[in-house]
Amino acid sequence: QVQLAESGGGLVQPGGPLRPSCAASGIIFRIYALGWYRQAPGKQRELVATIRAGGSTNFADSVKGRFTISRDNNKKTVYLQMNNLKPEDTAVYYCNGRSGISEYWGQGTQVTVSS
């Protein structure tokens, strides 16, 4: 059974850091492209960052220079390092794994940026 399990969300003050992670099971992790998406209340889900099997990365313009994405194939885990967080980063963050026609989503982790 495939599972993507996010953790590490929470409440953080503006300007602070947070590092959610996503642990995968049931897939050949190293061949999957992985990504983080987010959905704020009343808005559509949007891409935050992706990392391909080969390690190349892509970021939404709104997070470039503040967020980084990394993967540990041995631990089957993908990380999203978020720095200098802003209130507009508040959303549920979802982990995504994709390979060919196979695609899986996690349940999401809430990130709230507020003073």
N, C-alpha and C. Protein backbone atom coordinates (compact mmCIF):
# COMPACT_ATOMS: atom_id res chain seq x y z
N GLN A 1 0.85 -1.19 0.00
CA GLN A 1 0.00 0.00 0.00
C GLN A 1 0.89 1.24 0.00
N VAL A 2 0.57 2.17 -0.91
CA VAL A 2 1.36 3.38 -1.03
C VAL A 2 0.89 4.39 0.01
N GLN A 3 1.85 5.03 0.64
CA GLN A 3 1.52 6.07 1.61
C GLN A 3 2.56 7.18 1.56
N LEU A 4 2.06 8.41 1.54
CA LEU A 4 2.90 9.59 1.70
C LEU A 4 2.41 10.29 2.96
N ALA A 5 3.28 10.44 3.92
CA ALA A 5 2.89 10.97 5.22
C ALA A 5 3.69 12.22 5.54
N GLU A 6 2.98 13.37 5.55
CA GLU A 6 3.63 14.63 5.88
C GLU A 6 3.68 14.83 7.39
N SER A 7 4.69 15.56 7.82
CA SER A 7 4.79 15.97 9.22
C SER A 7 5.63 17.24 9.26
N GLY A 8 5.60 17.91 10.41
CA GLY A 8 6.46 19.07 10.59
C GLY A 8 5.82 20.41 10.32
N GLY A 9 4.52 20.41 10.06
CA GLY A 9 3.84 21.70 9.94
C GLY A 9 3.65 22.31 11.32
N GLY A 10 2.98 23.47 11.36
CA GLY A 10 2.73 24.09 12.64
C GLY A 10 2.54 25.58 12.54
N LEU A 11 2.60 26.23 13.70
CA LEU A 11 2.45 27.68 13.78
C LEU A 11 3.83 28.32 13.93
N VAL A 12 4.09 29.32 13.13
CA VAL A 12 5.38 30.00 13.17
C VAL A 12 5.17 31.49 12.98
N GLN A 13 6.02 32.29 13.57
CA GLN A 13 5.92 33.74 13.42
C GLN A 13 6.48 34.18 12.08
N PRO A 14 6.01 35.30 11.56
CA PRO A 14 6.57 35.83 10.31
C PRO A 14 8.08 35.98 10.42
N GLY A 15 8.76 35.59 9.35
CA GLY A 15 10.21 35.63 9.33
C GLY A 15 10.88 34.38 9.84
N GLY A 16 10.12 33.49 10.42
CA GLY A 16 10.68 32.27 10.99
C GLY A 16 10.80 31.15 9.97
N PRO A 17 11.48 30.05 10.38
CA PRO A 17 11.64 28.89 9.51
C PRO A 17 10.73 27.72 9.92
N LEU A 18 10.56 26.83 8.99
CA LEU A 18 9.85 25.58 9.26
C LEU A 18 10.34 24.57 8.24
N ARG A 19 10.36 23.31 8.62
CA ARG A 19 10.86 22.28 7.72
C ARG A 19 9.96 21.05 7.74
N PRO A 20 8.86 21.09 7.01
CA PRO A 20 8.04 19.89 6.92
C PRO A 20 8.75 18.80 6.13
N SER A 21 8.39 17.57 6.42
CA SER A 21 8.94 16.42 5.70
C SER A 21 7.82 15.49 5.28
N CYS A 22 8.14 14.62 4.34
CA CYS A 22 7.16 13.66 3.81
C CYS A 22 7.85 12.32 3.65
N ALA A 23 7.40 11.35 4.39
CA ALA A 23 7.96 10.00 4.33
C ALA A 23 7.08 9.12 3.46
N ALA A 24 7.72 8.40 2.54
CA ALA A 24 6.98 7.56 1.60
C ALA A 24 7.19 6.08 1.91
N SER A 25 6.19 5.32 1.57
CA SER A 25 6.29 3.85 1.66
C SER A 25 5.48 3.25 0.52
N GLY A 26 5.88 2.05 0.11
CA GLY A 26 5.13 1.35 -0.92
C GLY A 26 5.46 1.74 -2.34
N ILE A 27 6.49 2.58 -2.54
CA ILE A 27 6.90 2.96 -3.89
C ILE A 27 8.41 2.84 -4.01
N ILE A 28 8.88 2.75 -5.27
CA ILE A 28 10.32 2.79 -5.52
C ILE A 28 10.71 4.25 -5.50
N PHE A 29 11.01 4.73 -4.33
CA PHE A 29 11.12 6.16 -4.06
C PHE A 29 12.09 6.85 -5.01
N ARG A 30 13.22 6.24 -5.30
CA ARG A 30 14.29 6.92 -6.01
C ARG A 30 13.91 7.29 -7.45
N ILE A 31 12.90 6.64 -8.03
CA ILE A 31 12.54 6.93 -9.41
C ILE A 31 11.42 7.97 -9.51
N TYR A 32 10.90 8.37 -8.37
CA TYR A 32 9.77 9.28 -8.38
C TYR A 32 10.20 10.74 -8.36
N ALA A 33 9.50 11.56 -9.14
CA ALA A 33 9.56 13.00 -8.98
C ALA A 33 8.68 13.35 -7.78
N LEU A 34 9.16 14.24 -6.95
CA LEU A 34 8.45 14.59 -5.72
C LEU A 34 8.18 16.08 -5.70
N GLY A 35 7.10 16.42 -5.05
CA GLY A 35 6.76 17.84 -5.00
C GLY A 35 6.00 18.21 -3.76
N TRP A 36 5.99 19.50 -3.49
CA TRP A 36 5.16 20.09 -2.46
C TRP A 36 4.19 21.06 -3.12
N TYR A 37 2.94 20.95 -2.75
CA TYR A 37 1.90 21.85 -3.19
C TYR A 37 1.24 22.43 -1.95
N ARG A 38 0.50 23.52 -2.14
CA ARG A 38 -0.21 24.08 -1.00
C ARG A 38 -1.57 24.61 -1.44
N GLN A 39 -2.47 24.66 -0.47
CA GLN A 39 -3.80 25.17 -0.73
C GLN A 39 -4.24 26.03 0.44
N ALA A 40 -4.44 27.28 0.16
CA ALA A 40 -4.94 28.22 1.17
C ALA A 40 -6.46 28.24 1.11
N PRO A 41 -7.12 28.66 2.19
CA PRO A 41 -8.58 28.70 2.21
C PRO A 41 -9.13 29.53 1.06
N GLY A 42 -10.07 28.96 0.32
CA GLY A 42 -10.70 29.68 -0.77
C GLY A 42 -9.88 29.78 -2.04
N LYS A 43 -8.74 29.13 -2.06
CA LYS A 43 -7.87 29.19 -3.23
C LYS A 43 -7.62 27.80 -3.80
N GLN A 44 -7.16 27.75 -5.05
CA GLN A 44 -6.81 26.48 -5.66
C GLN A 44 -5.46 25.99 -5.15
N ARG A 45 -5.30 24.68 -5.24
CA ARG A 45 -4.01 24.11 -4.89
C ARG A 45 -2.96 24.58 -5.90
N GLU A 46 -1.79 24.94 -5.39
CA GLU A 46 -0.74 25.45 -6.27
C GLU A 46 0.59 24.77 -5.99
N LEU A 47 1.40 24.73 -7.04
CA LEU A 47 2.73 24.16 -6.91
C LEU A 47 3.62 25.05 -6.06
N VAL A 48 4.39 24.44 -5.17
CA VAL A 48 5.39 25.17 -4.38
C VAL A 48 6.79 24.84 -4.89
N ALA A 49 7.11 23.55 -4.95
CA ALA A 49 8.45 23.12 -5.35
C ALA A 49 8.42 21.68 -5.78
N THR A 50 9.30 21.33 -6.72
CA THR A 50 9.45 19.94 -7.14
C THR A 50 10.92 19.57 -7.19
N ILE A 51 11.17 18.29 -7.06
CA ILE A 51 12.52 17.75 -7.23
C ILE A 51 12.41 16.45 -8.01
N ARG A 52 13.14 16.37 -9.10
CA ARG A 52 13.09 15.19 -9.95
C ARG A 52 13.96 14.08 -9.39
N ALA A 53 13.83 12.92 -10.01
CA ALA A 53 14.64 11.78 -9.56
C ALA A 53 16.13 12.08 -9.65
N GLY A 54 16.50 12.85 -10.65
CA GLY A 54 17.91 13.20 -10.83
C GLY A 54 18.38 14.34 -9.94
N GLY A 55 17.44 14.98 -9.25
CA GLY A 55 17.82 16.02 -8.29
C GLY A 55 17.56 17.44 -8.74
N SER A 56 17.15 17.64 -10.00
CA SER A 56 16.87 19.00 -10.43
C SER A 56 15.60 19.51 -9.74
N THR A 57 15.59 20.82 -9.48
CA THR A 57 14.50 21.40 -8.70
C THR A 57 13.80 22.53 -9.45
N ASN A 58 12.60 22.82 -9.00
CA ASN A 58 11.81 23.89 -9.58
C ASN A 58 10.99 24.52 -8.46
N PHE A 59 10.84 25.85 -8.51
CA PHE A 59 10.13 26.55 -7.44
C PHE A 59 9.13 27.54 -8.02
N ALA A 60 8.05 27.74 -7.30
CA ALA A 60 7.13 28.82 -7.62
C ALA A 60 7.84 30.15 -7.40
N ASP A 61 7.50 31.14 -8.21
CA ASP A 61 8.16 32.45 -8.09
C ASP A 61 7.99 33.03 -6.69
N SER A 62 6.87 32.76 -6.07
CA SER A 62 6.57 33.36 -4.77
C SER A 62 7.46 32.84 -3.64
N VAL A 63 8.14 31.71 -3.87
CA VAL A 63 8.97 31.14 -2.80
C VAL A 63 10.45 31.07 -3.17
N LYS A 64 10.80 31.47 -4.39
CA LYS A 64 12.20 31.42 -4.80
C LYS A 64 13.05 32.27 -3.88
N GLY A 65 14.19 31.71 -3.49
CA GLY A 65 15.09 32.40 -2.59
C GLY A 65 14.76 32.21 -1.12
N ARG A 66 13.58 31.67 -0.82
CA ARG A 66 13.18 31.45 0.57
C ARG A 66 13.03 29.96 0.90
N PHE A 67 12.59 29.18 -0.05
CA PHE A 67 12.35 27.75 0.16
C PHE A 67 13.37 26.91 -0.60
N THR A 68 13.73 25.77 -0.04
CA THR A 68 14.50 24.77 -0.76
C THR A 68 13.84 23.41 -0.57
N ILE A 69 14.03 22.54 -1.55
CA ILE A 69 13.48 21.19 -1.48
C ILE A 69 14.64 20.21 -1.62
N SER A 70 14.59 19.13 -0.86
CA SER A 70 15.64 18.12 -0.91
C SER A 70 15.02 16.74 -0.68
N ARG A 71 15.77 15.74 -1.04
CA ARG A 71 15.28 14.37 -0.88
C ARG A 71 16.39 13.49 -0.34
N ASP A 72 16.00 12.50 0.45
CA ASP A 72 16.91 11.48 0.95
C ASP A 72 16.36 10.14 0.50
N ASN A 73 16.95 9.58 -0.54
CA ASN A 73 16.42 8.34 -1.11
C ASN A 73 16.57 7.16 -0.14
N ASN A 74 17.58 7.20 0.70
CA ASN A 74 17.77 6.11 1.67
C ASN A 74 16.66 6.11 2.71
N LYS A 75 16.24 7.31 3.11
CA LYS A 75 15.17 7.42 4.11
C LYS A 75 13.80 7.52 3.46
N LYS A 76 13.77 7.58 2.14
CA LYS A 76 12.50 7.71 1.41
C LYS A 76 11.72 8.93 1.91
N THR A 77 12.41 10.03 2.03
CA THR A 77 11.82 11.23 2.59
C THR A 77 12.19 12.45 1.75
N VAL A 78 11.22 13.33 1.59
CA VAL A 78 11.44 14.60 0.92
C VAL A 78 11.16 15.72 1.92
N TYR A 79 11.99 16.76 1.86
CA TYR A 79 11.92 17.86 2.81
C TYR A 79 11.63 19.18 2.08
N LEU A 80 10.99 20.07 2.80
CA LEU A 80 10.80 21.43 2.30
C LEU A 80 11.29 22.38 3.37
N GLN A 81 12.44 22.98 3.14
CA GLN A 81 12.97 23.97 4.06
C GLN A 81 12.39 25.33 3.72
N MET A 82 11.65 25.89 4.63
CA MET A 82 10.98 27.17 4.40
C MET A 82 11.59 28.21 5.33
N ASN A 83 12.15 29.24 4.77
CA ASN A 83 12.75 30.32 5.53
C ASN A 83 12.03 31.63 5.25
N ASN A 84 12.19 32.57 6.17
CA ASN A 84 11.58 33.89 6.01
C ASN A 84 10.09 33.78 5.65
N LEU A 85 9.39 33.02 6.44
CA LEU A 85 7.98 32.76 6.15
C LEU A 85 7.15 34.02 6.28
N LYS A 86 6.12 34.10 5.43
CA LYS A 86 5.22 35.24 5.39
C LYS A 86 3.79 34.77 5.68
N PRO A 87 2.94 35.66 6.15
CA PRO A 87 1.55 35.26 6.40
C PRO A 87 0.87 34.64 5.17
N GLU A 88 1.25 35.09 4.00
CA GLU A 88 0.65 34.55 2.78
C GLU A 88 1.12 33.13 2.46
N ASP A 89 2.07 32.62 3.21
CA ASP A 89 2.48 31.22 3.06
C ASP A 89 1.56 30.28 3.84
N THR A 90 0.64 30.83 4.60
CA THR A 90 -0.29 30.02 5.36
C THR A 90 -1.15 29.17 4.44
N ALA A 91 -1.14 27.86 4.65
CA ALA A 91 -1.88 26.94 3.79
C ALA A 91 -1.71 25.52 4.33
N VAL A 92 -2.45 24.61 3.75
CA VAL A 92 -2.18 23.19 3.95
C VAL A 92 -1.18 22.78 2.88
N TYR A 93 -0.12 22.16 3.31
CA TYR A 93 0.95 21.74 2.40
C TYR A 93 0.85 20.24 2.14
N TYR A 94 0.84 19.89 0.85
CA TYR A 94 0.67 18.50 0.44
C TYR A 94 1.92 18.00 -0.26
N CYS A 95 2.24 16.75 0.02
CA CYS A 95 3.33 16.06 -0.65
C CYS A 95 2.78 15.30 -1.85
N ASN A 96 3.53 15.28 -2.93
CA ASN A 96 3.12 14.60 -4.16
C ASN A 96 4.27 13.76 -4.69
N GLY A 97 3.95 12.56 -5.15
CA GLY A 97 4.92 11.70 -5.81
C GLY A 97 4.39 11.26 -7.15
N ARG A 98 5.25 11.33 -8.18
CA ARG A 98 4.79 11.04 -9.53
C ARG A 98 5.87 10.27 -10.30
N SER A 99 5.42 9.21 -10.99
CA SER A 99 6.30 8.46 -11.88
C SER A 99 5.45 7.85 -12.98
N GLY A 100 5.66 8.28 -14.21
CA GLY A 100 4.83 7.81 -15.31
C GLY A 100 3.38 8.18 -15.07
N ILE A 101 2.49 7.19 -15.12
CA ILE A 101 1.07 7.46 -14.89
C ILE A 101 0.69 7.32 -13.42
N SER A 102 1.64 6.95 -12.59
CA SER A 102 1.36 6.79 -11.16
C SER A 102 1.55 8.12 -10.45
N GLU A 103 0.58 8.48 -9.62
CA GLU A 103 0.66 9.73 -8.86
C GLU A 103 -0.02 9.53 -7.52
N TYR A 104 0.62 10.03 -6.48
CA TYR A 104 0.10 9.85 -5.12
C TYR A 104 0.21 11.16 -4.36
N TRP A 105 -0.72 11.33 -3.41
CA TRP A 105 -0.77 12.53 -2.58
C TRP A 105 -0.79 12.14 -1.11
N GLY A 106 -0.21 12.98 -0.30
CA GLY A 106 -0.33 12.84 1.13
C GLY A 106 -1.60 13.52 1.62
N GLN A 107 -1.82 13.44 2.91
CA GLN A 107 -3.03 14.01 3.52
C GLN A 107 -2.88 15.49 3.83
N GLY A 108 -1.66 15.99 3.84
CA GLY A 108 -1.43 17.41 4.07
C GLY A 108 -1.04 17.73 5.50
N THR A 109 -0.31 18.83 5.64
CA THR A 109 0.07 19.33 6.96
C THR A 109 -0.16 20.84 6.98
N GLN A 110 -0.76 21.32 8.05
CA GLN A 110 -1.11 22.74 8.13
C GLN A 110 0.11 23.57 8.52
N VAL A 111 0.32 24.64 7.77
CA VAL A 111 1.35 25.63 8.10
C VAL A 111 0.64 26.97 8.29
N THR A 112 0.83 27.55 9.46
CA THR A 112 0.21 28.84 9.76
C THR A 112 1.30 29.82 10.16
N VAL A 113 1.34 30.93 9.45
CA VAL A 113 2.33 31.98 9.72
C VAL A 113 1.59 33.17 10.30
N SER A 114 1.82 33.42 11.58
CA SER A 114 1.07 34.48 12.26
C SER A 114 1.82 34.91 13.51
N SER A 115 1.68 36.18 13.84
CA SER A 115 2.26 36.69 15.07
C SER A 115 1.25 36.63 16.21
